[in-house]
Amino acid sequence: MTKENFDVIPEFTKNKNGVSIKKCCASCALHDMYDYEGPRRKCKLNGKVVDKSDCCSKWVISDFINNIKLSR
């Protein structure tokens, strides 16, 4: 897999509850999980297998990640 379309420096954003979220494939709403000899992520946009730390300019926060709250 080439890294030509992925950012090198990680970016962070905050979800609706103020929790800091890393922009990456693991937190993106546009990935699908599948398991062929181990869990893998596949991008819904381009169909390529991606690593959890990859990120592209079309990143969208997933609903699950957007609803995370910090507990004290």
PDB file of N, CA and C in Angstrom:
ATOM      1  N   MET A   1       0.850  -1.181   0.000  1.00  0.00           N
ATOM      2  CA  MET A   1       0.000   0.000   0.000  1.00  0.00           C
ATOM      3  C   MET A   1       0.887   1.232   0.000  1.00  0.00           C
ATOM      4  N   THR A   2       0.590   2.176  -0.840  1.00  0.00           N
ATOM      5  CA  THR A   2       1.369   3.410  -0.873  1.00  0.00           C
ATOM      6  C   THR A   2       0.757   4.436   0.053  1.00  0.00           C
ATOM      7  N   LYS A   3       1.586   5.329   0.546  1.00  0.00           N
ATOM      8  CA  LYS A   3       1.144   6.365   1.473  1.00  0.00           C
ATOM      9  C   LYS A   3       0.987   7.713   0.778  1.00  0.00           C
ATOM     10  N   GLU A   4       0.970   7.736  -0.545  1.00  0.00           N
ATOM     11  CA  GLU A   4       0.973   8.986  -1.275  1.00  0.00           C
ATOM     12  C   GLU A   4      -0.221   9.897  -0.991  1.00  0.00           C
ATOM     13  N   ASN A   5      -1.381   9.348  -0.648  1.00  0.00           N
ATOM     14  CA  ASN A   5      -2.572  10.155  -0.425  1.00  0.00           C
ATOM     15  C   ASN A   5      -2.884  10.380   1.048  1.00  0.00           C
ATOM     16  N   PHE A   6      -1.960  10.009   1.922  1.00  0.00           N
ATOM     17  CA  PHE A   6      -2.220  10.102   3.346  1.00  0.00           C
ATOM     18  C   PHE A   6      -1.336  11.152   3.996  1.00  0.00           C
ATOM     19  N   ASP A   7      -1.886  11.837   4.995  1.00  0.00           N
ATOM     20  CA  ASP A   7      -1.146  12.851   5.731  1.00  0.00           C
ATOM     21  C   ASP A   7      -0.094  12.181   6.601  1.00  0.00           C
ATOM     22  N   VAL A   8       1.043  12.873   6.801  1.00  0.00           N
ATOM     23  CA  VAL A   8       2.123  12.341   7.618  1.00  0.00           C
ATOM     24  C   VAL A   8       1.980  12.796   9.065  1.00  0.00           C
ATOM     25  N   ILE A   9       1.643  14.053   9.295  1.00  0.00           N
ATOM     26  CA  ILE A   9       1.509  14.600  10.645  1.00  0.00           C
ATOM     27  C   ILE A   9       0.075  14.398  11.121  1.00  0.00           C
ATOM     28  N   PRO A  10      -0.111  13.702  12.265  1.00  0.00           N
ATOM     29  CA  PRO A  10      -1.478  13.473  12.745  1.00  0.00           C
ATOM     30  C   PRO A  10      -2.177  14.765  13.155  1.00  0.00           C
ATOM     31  N   GLU A  11      -3.448  14.848  12.847  1.00  0.00           N
ATOM     32  CA  GLU A  11      -4.270  15.991  13.246  1.00  0.00           C
ATOM     33  C   GLU A  11      -5.272  15.522  14.289  1.00  0.00           C
ATOM     34  N   PHE A  12      -5.681  16.445  15.123  1.00  0.00           N
ATOM     35  CA  PHE A  12      -6.670  16.144  16.150  1.00  0.00           C
ATOM     36  C   PHE A  12      -7.827  17.117  16.038  1.00  0.00           C
ATOM     37  N   THR A  13      -8.989  16.674  16.464  1.00  0.00           N
ATOM     38  CA  THR A  13     -10.182  17.506  16.516  1.00  0.00           C
ATOM     39  C   THR A  13     -10.905  17.149  17.807  1.00  0.00           C
ATOM     40  N   LYS A  14     -11.961  17.857  18.109  1.00  0.00           N
ATOM     41  CA  LYS A  14     -12.758  17.548  19.306  1.00  0.00           C
ATOM     42  C   LYS A  14     -14.139  17.086  18.865  1.00  0.00           C
ATOM     43  N   ASN A  15     -14.670  16.100  19.588  1.00  0.00           N
ATOM     44  CA  ASN A  15     -16.021  15.653  19.278  1.00  0.00           C
ATOM     45  C   ASN A  15     -17.032  16.576  19.949  1.00  0.00           C
ATOM     46  N   LYS A  16     -18.318  16.259  19.842  1.00  0.00           N
ATOM     47  CA  LYS A  16     -19.355  17.150  20.369  1.00  0.00           C
ATOM     48  C   LYS A  16     -19.312  17.284  21.886  1.00  0.00           C
ATOM     49  N   ASN A  17     -18.603  16.366  22.573  1.00  0.00           N
ATOM     50  CA  ASN A  17     -18.470  16.430  24.029  1.00  0.00           C
ATOM     51  C   ASN A  17     -17.123  16.998  24.477  1.00  0.00           C
ATOM     52  N   GLY A  18     -16.341  17.503  23.534  1.00  0.00           N
ATOM     53  CA  GLY A  18     -15.068  18.138  23.860  1.00  0.00           C
ATOM     54  C   GLY A  18     -13.900  17.188  24.034  1.00  0.00           C
ATOM     55  N   VAL A  19     -14.074  15.907  23.670  1.00  0.00           N
ATOM     56  CA  VAL A  19     -13.005  14.923  23.784  1.00  0.00           C
ATOM     57  C   VAL A  19     -12.100  15.029  22.554  1.00  0.00           C
ATOM     58  N   SER A  20     -10.784  15.064  22.766  1.00  0.00           N
ATOM     59  CA  SER A  20      -9.824  15.147  21.674  1.00  0.00           C
ATOM     60  C   SER A  20      -9.794  13.832  20.903  1.00  0.00           C
ATOM     61  N   ILE A  21      -9.961  13.907  19.584  1.00  0.00           N
ATOM     62  CA  ILE A  21     -10.029  12.745  18.712  1.00  0.00           C
ATOM     63  C   ILE A  21      -8.974  12.869  17.624  1.00  0.00           C
ATOM     64  N   LYS A  22      -8.177  11.814  17.434  1.00  0.00           N
ATOM     65  CA  LYS A  22      -7.180  11.790  16.358  1.00  0.00           C
ATOM     66  C   LYS A  22      -7.884  11.490  15.046  1.00  0.00           C
ATOM     67  N   LYS A  23      -7.610  12.297  14.030  1.00  0.00           N
ATOM     68  CA  LYS A  23      -8.163  12.045  12.704  1.00  0.00           C
ATOM     69  C   LYS A  23      -7.368  10.913  12.061  1.00  0.00           C
ATOM     70  N   CYS A  24      -7.996   9.754  11.930  1.00  0.00           N
ATOM     71  CA  CYS A  24      -7.362   8.588  11.322  1.00  0.00           C
ATOM     72  C   CYS A  24      -8.448   7.616  10.870  1.00  0.00           C
ATOM     73  N   CYS A  25      -8.062   6.596  10.143  1.00  0.00           N
ATOM     74  CA  CYS A  25      -9.044   5.627   9.641  1.00  0.00           C
ATOM     75  C   CYS A  25      -9.814   4.936  10.763  1.00  0.00           C
ATOM     76  N   ALA A  26      -9.174   4.755  11.916  1.00  0.00           N
ATOM     77  CA  ALA A  26      -9.842   4.084  13.028  1.00  0.00           C
ATOM     78  C   ALA A  26     -11.037   4.879  13.541  1.00  0.00           C
ATOM     79  N   SER A  27     -10.998   6.222  13.444  1.00  0.00           N
ATOM     80  CA  SER A  27     -12.095   7.058  13.940  1.00  0.00           C
ATOM     81  C   SER A  27     -12.996   7.575  12.821  1.00  0.00           C
ATOM     82  N   CYS A  28     -12.768   7.115  11.611  1.00  0.00           N
ATOM     83  CA  CYS A  28     -13.518   7.608  10.448  1.00  0.00           C
ATOM     84  C   CYS A  28     -14.796   6.812  10.227  1.00  0.00           C
ATOM     85  N   ALA A  29     -15.849   7.505   9.819  1.00  0.00           N
ATOM     86  CA  ALA A  29     -17.131   6.861   9.526  1.00  0.00           C
ATOM     87  C   ALA A  29     -17.098   6.122   8.192  1.00  0.00           C
ATOM     88  N   LEU A  30     -16.070   6.338   7.387  1.00  0.00           N
ATOM     89  CA  LEU A  30     -16.021   5.772   6.044  1.00  0.00           C
ATOM     90  C   LEU A  30     -15.188   4.507   5.934  1.00  0.00           C
ATOM     91  N   HIS A  31     -14.979   3.793   7.042  1.00  0.00           N
ATOM     92  CA  HIS A  31     -14.248   2.529   6.944  1.00  0.00           C
ATOM     93  C   HIS A  31     -15.157   1.360   7.286  1.00  0.00           C
ATOM     94  N   ASP A  32     -14.879   0.257   6.651  1.00  0.00           N
ATOM     95  CA  ASP A  32     -15.564  -1.012   6.922  1.00  0.00           C
ATOM     96  C   ASP A  32     -14.558  -1.958   7.538  1.00  0.00           C
ATOM     97  N   MET A  33     -15.007  -2.775   8.474  1.00  0.00           N
ATOM     98  CA  MET A  33     -14.136  -3.796   9.061  1.00  0.00           C
ATOM     99  C   MET A  33     -14.458  -5.143   8.411  1.00  0.00           C
ATOM    100  N   TYR A  34     -13.425  -5.904   8.153  1.00  0.00           N
ATOM    101  CA  TYR A  34     -13.612  -7.274   7.696  1.00  0.00           C
ATOM    102  C   TYR A  34     -12.482  -8.112   8.270  1.00  0.00           C
ATOM    103  N   ASP A  35     -12.608  -9.425   8.217  1.00  0.00           N
ATOM    104  CA  ASP A  35     -11.625 -10.295   8.845  1.00  0.00           C
ATOM    105  C   ASP A  35     -11.248 -11.435   7.918  1.00  0.00           C
ATOM    106  N   TYR A  36     -10.151 -11.280   7.225  1.00  0.00           N
ATOM    107  CA  TYR A  36      -9.548 -12.357   6.438  1.00  0.00           C
ATOM    108  C   TYR A  36      -8.177 -12.575   7.054  1.00  0.00           C
ATOM    109  N   GLU A  37      -8.097 -13.503   8.000  1.00  0.00           N
ATOM    110  CA  GLU A  37      -6.854 -13.782   8.728  1.00  0.00           C
ATOM    111  C   GLU A  37      -6.437 -12.594   9.582  1.00  0.00           C
ATOM    112  N   GLY A  38      -7.351 -12.009  10.294  1.00  0.00           N
ATOM    113  CA  GLY A  38      -7.061 -10.881  11.172  1.00  0.00           C
ATOM    114  C   GLY A  38      -7.882  -9.673  10.791  1.00  0.00           C
ATOM    115  N   PRO A  39      -8.231  -8.831  11.771  1.00  0.00           N
ATOM    116  CA  PRO A  39      -9.069  -7.664  11.465  1.00  0.00           C
ATOM    117  C   PRO A  39      -8.366  -6.660  10.552  1.00  0.00           C
ATOM    118  N   ARG A  40      -9.092  -6.159   9.588  1.00  0.00           N
ATOM    119  CA  ARG A  40      -8.554  -5.159   8.657  1.00  0.00           C
ATOM    120  C   ARG A  40      -9.639  -4.120   8.377  1.00  0.00           C
ATOM    121  N   ARG A  41      -9.179  -2.954   7.968  1.00  0.00           N
ATOM    122  CA  ARG A  41     -10.095  -1.875   7.599  1.00  0.00           C
ATOM    123  C   ARG A  41     -10.037  -1.662   6.097  1.00  0.00           C
ATOM    124  N   LYS A  42     -11.196  -1.382   5.525  1.00  0.00           N
ATOM    125  CA  LYS A  42     -11.281  -1.097   4.097  1.00  0.00           C
ATOM    126  C   LYS A  42     -12.012   0.220   3.933  1.00  0.00           C
ATOM    127  N   CYS A  43     -11.467   1.116   3.131  1.00  0.00           N
ATOM    128  CA  CYS A  43     -12.074   2.426   2.905  1.00  0.00           C
ATOM    129  C   CYS A  43     -13.309   2.275   2.009  1.00  0.00           C
ATOM    130  N   LYS A  44     -14.430   2.870   2.423  1.00  0.00           N
ATOM    131  CA  LYS A  44     -15.657   2.819   1.624  1.00  0.00           C
ATOM    132  C   LYS A  44     -15.544   3.675   0.361  1.00  0.00           C
ATOM    133  N   LEU A  45     -14.645   4.668   0.378  1.00  0.00           N
ATOM    134  CA  LEU A  45     -14.515   5.558  -0.770  1.00  0.00           C
ATOM    135  C   LEU A  45     -13.721   4.942  -1.913  1.00  0.00           C
ATOM    136  N   ASN A  46     -12.552   4.357  -1.587  1.00  0.00           N
ATOM    137  CA  ASN A  46     -11.703   3.849  -2.657  1.00  0.00           C
ATOM    138  C   ASN A  46     -11.553   2.330  -2.658  1.00  0.00           C
ATOM    139  N   GLY A  47     -12.099   1.635  -1.653  1.00  0.00           N
ATOM    140  CA  GLY A  47     -12.051   0.186  -1.613  1.00  0.00           C
ATOM    141  C   GLY A  47     -10.716  -0.408  -1.218  1.00  0.00           C
ATOM    142  N   LYS A  48      -9.742   0.425  -0.845  1.00  0.00           N
ATOM    143  CA  LYS A  48      -8.414  -0.064  -0.486  1.00  0.00           C
ATOM    144  C   LYS A  48      -8.340  -0.452   0.976  1.00  0.00           C
ATOM    145  N   VAL A  49      -7.467  -1.402   1.279  1.00  0.00           N
ATOM    146  CA  VAL A  49      -7.184  -1.774   2.655  1.00  0.00           C
ATOM    147  C   VAL A  49      -6.350  -0.659   3.269  1.00  0.00           C
ATOM    148  N   VAL A  50      -6.745  -0.204   4.459  1.00  0.00           N
ATOM    149  CA  VAL A  50      -6.054   0.900   5.120  1.00  0.00           C
ATOM    150  C   VAL A  50      -5.609   0.497   6.515  1.00  0.00           C
ATOM    151  N   ASP A  51      -4.597   1.164   7.019  1.00  0.00           N
ATOM    152  CA  ASP A  51      -4.116   0.957   8.372  1.00  0.00           C
ATOM    153  C   ASP A  51      -4.888   1.877   9.305  1.00  0.00           C
ATOM    154  N   LYS A  52      -5.002   1.489  10.572  1.00  0.00           N
ATOM    155  CA  LYS A  52      -5.777   2.292  11.520  1.00  0.00           C
ATOM    156  C   LYS A  52      -5.241   3.710  11.684  1.00  0.00           C
ATOM    157  N   SER A  53      -3.949   3.919  11.436  1.00  0.00           N
ATOM    158  CA  SER A  53      -3.365   5.252  11.626  1.00  0.00           C
ATOM    159  C   SER A  53      -3.353   6.092  10.351  1.00  0.00           C
ATOM    160  N   ASP A  54      -3.752   5.532   9.212  1.00  0.00           N
ATOM    161  CA  ASP A  54      -3.827   6.295   7.969  1.00  0.00           C
ATOM    162  C   ASP A  54      -4.921   7.351   8.068  1.00  0.00           C
ATOM    163  N   CYS A  55      -4.797   8.398   7.283  1.00  0.00           N
ATOM    164  CA  CYS A  55      -5.828   9.430   7.236  1.00  0.00           C
ATOM    165  C   CYS A  55      -5.775  10.142   5.896  1.00  0.00           C
ATOM    166  N   CYS A  56      -6.933  10.510   5.382  1.00  0.00           N
ATOM    167  CA  CYS A  56      -6.984  11.264   4.134  1.00  0.00           C
ATOM    168  C   CYS A  56      -7.820  12.521   4.334  1.00  0.00           C
ATOM    169  N   SER A  57      -7.894  13.333   3.314  1.00  0.00           N
ATOM    170  CA  SER A  57      -8.597  14.621   3.411  1.00  0.00           C
ATOM    171  C   SER A  57     -10.119  14.460   3.482  1.00  0.00           C
ATOM    172  N   LYS A  58     -10.639  13.281   3.229  1.00  0.00           N
ATOM    173  CA  LYS A  58     -12.090  13.059   3.246  1.00  0.00           C
ATOM    174  C   LYS A  58     -12.570  12.463   4.568  1.00  0.00           C
ATOM    175  N   TRP A  59     -11.754  12.526   5.610  1.00  0.00           N
ATOM    176  CA  TRP A  59     -12.088  11.972   6.925  1.00  0.00           C
ATOM    177  C   TRP A  59     -13.381  12.577   7.458  1.00  0.00           C
ATOM    178  N   VAL A  60     -14.244  11.712   8.020  1.00  0.00           N
ATOM    179  CA  VAL A  60     -15.509  12.115   8.641  1.00  0.00           C
ATOM    180  C   VAL A  60     -15.607  11.393   9.981  1.00  0.00           C
ATOM    181  N   ILE A  61     -15.884  12.112  11.050  1.00  0.00           N
ATOM    182  CA  ILE A  61     -15.963  11.490  12.369  1.00  0.00           C
ATOM    183  C   ILE A  61     -17.134  10.512  12.421  1.00  0.00           C
ATOM    184  N   SER A  62     -16.890   9.333  12.988  1.00  0.00           N
ATOM    185  CA  SER A  62     -17.962   8.336  13.089  1.00  0.00           C
ATOM    186  C   SER A  62     -18.930   8.725  14.202  1.00  0.00           C
ATOM    187  N   ASP A  63     -20.154   8.253  14.109  1.00  0.00           N
ATOM    188  CA  ASP A  63     -21.166   8.556  15.127  1.00  0.00           C
ATOM    189  C   ASP A  63     -20.737   8.045  16.503  1.00  0.00           C
ATOM    190  N   PHE A  64     -20.169   6.847  16.549  1.00  0.00           N
ATOM    191  CA  PHE A  64     -19.720   6.274  17.812  1.00  0.00           C
ATOM    192  C   PHE A  64     -18.661   7.159  18.471  1.00  0.00           C
ATOM    193  N   ILE A  65     -17.674   7.569  17.703  1.00  0.00           N
ATOM    194  CA  ILE A  65     -16.583   8.408  18.228  1.00  0.00           C
ATOM    195  C   ILE A  65     -17.126   9.786  18.622  1.00  0.00           C
ATOM    196  N   ASN A  66     -18.073  10.301  17.876  1.00  0.00           N
ATOM    197  CA  ASN A  66     -18.637  11.619  18.170  1.00  0.00           C
ATOM    198  C   ASN A  66     -19.421  11.634  19.481  1.00  0.00           C
ATOM    199  N   ASN A  67     -19.904  10.477  19.914  1.00  0.00           N
ATOM    200  CA  ASN A  67     -20.694  10.398  21.146  1.00  0.00           C
ATOM    201  C   ASN A  67     -19.895  10.014  22.397  1.00  0.00           C
ATOM    202  N   ILE A  68     -18.592   9.791  22.256  1.00  0.00           N
ATOM    203  CA  ILE A  68     -17.757   9.392  23.398  1.00  0.00           C
ATOM    204  C   ILE A  68     -17.690  10.539  24.406  1.00  0.00           C
ATOM    205  N   LYS A  69     -17.806  10.167  25.689  1.00  0.00           N
ATOM    206  CA  LYS A  69     -17.675  11.139  26.793  1.00  0.00           C
ATOM    207  C   LYS A  69     -16.560  10.672  27.713  1.00  0.00           C
ATOM    208  N   LEU A  70     -15.921  11.606  28.397  1.00  0.00           N
ATOM    209  CA  LEU A  70     -14.939  11.261  29.416  1.00  0.00           C
ATOM    210  C   LEU A  70     -15.664  11.022  30.717  1.00  0.00           C
ATOM    211  N   SER A  71     -15.284   9.977  31.426  1.00  0.00           N
ATOM    212  CA  SER A  71     -15.883   9.740  32.746  1.00  0.00           C
ATOM    213  C   SER A  71     -14.860  10.102  33.809  1.00  0.00           C
ATOM    214  N   ARG A  72     -15.353  10.551  34.925  1.00  0.00           N
ATOM    215  CA  ARG A  72     -14.449  10.957  36.025  1.00  0.00           C
ATOM    216  C   ARG A  72     -14.764  10.204  37.253  1.00  0.00           C
TER     217      ARG A  72
END
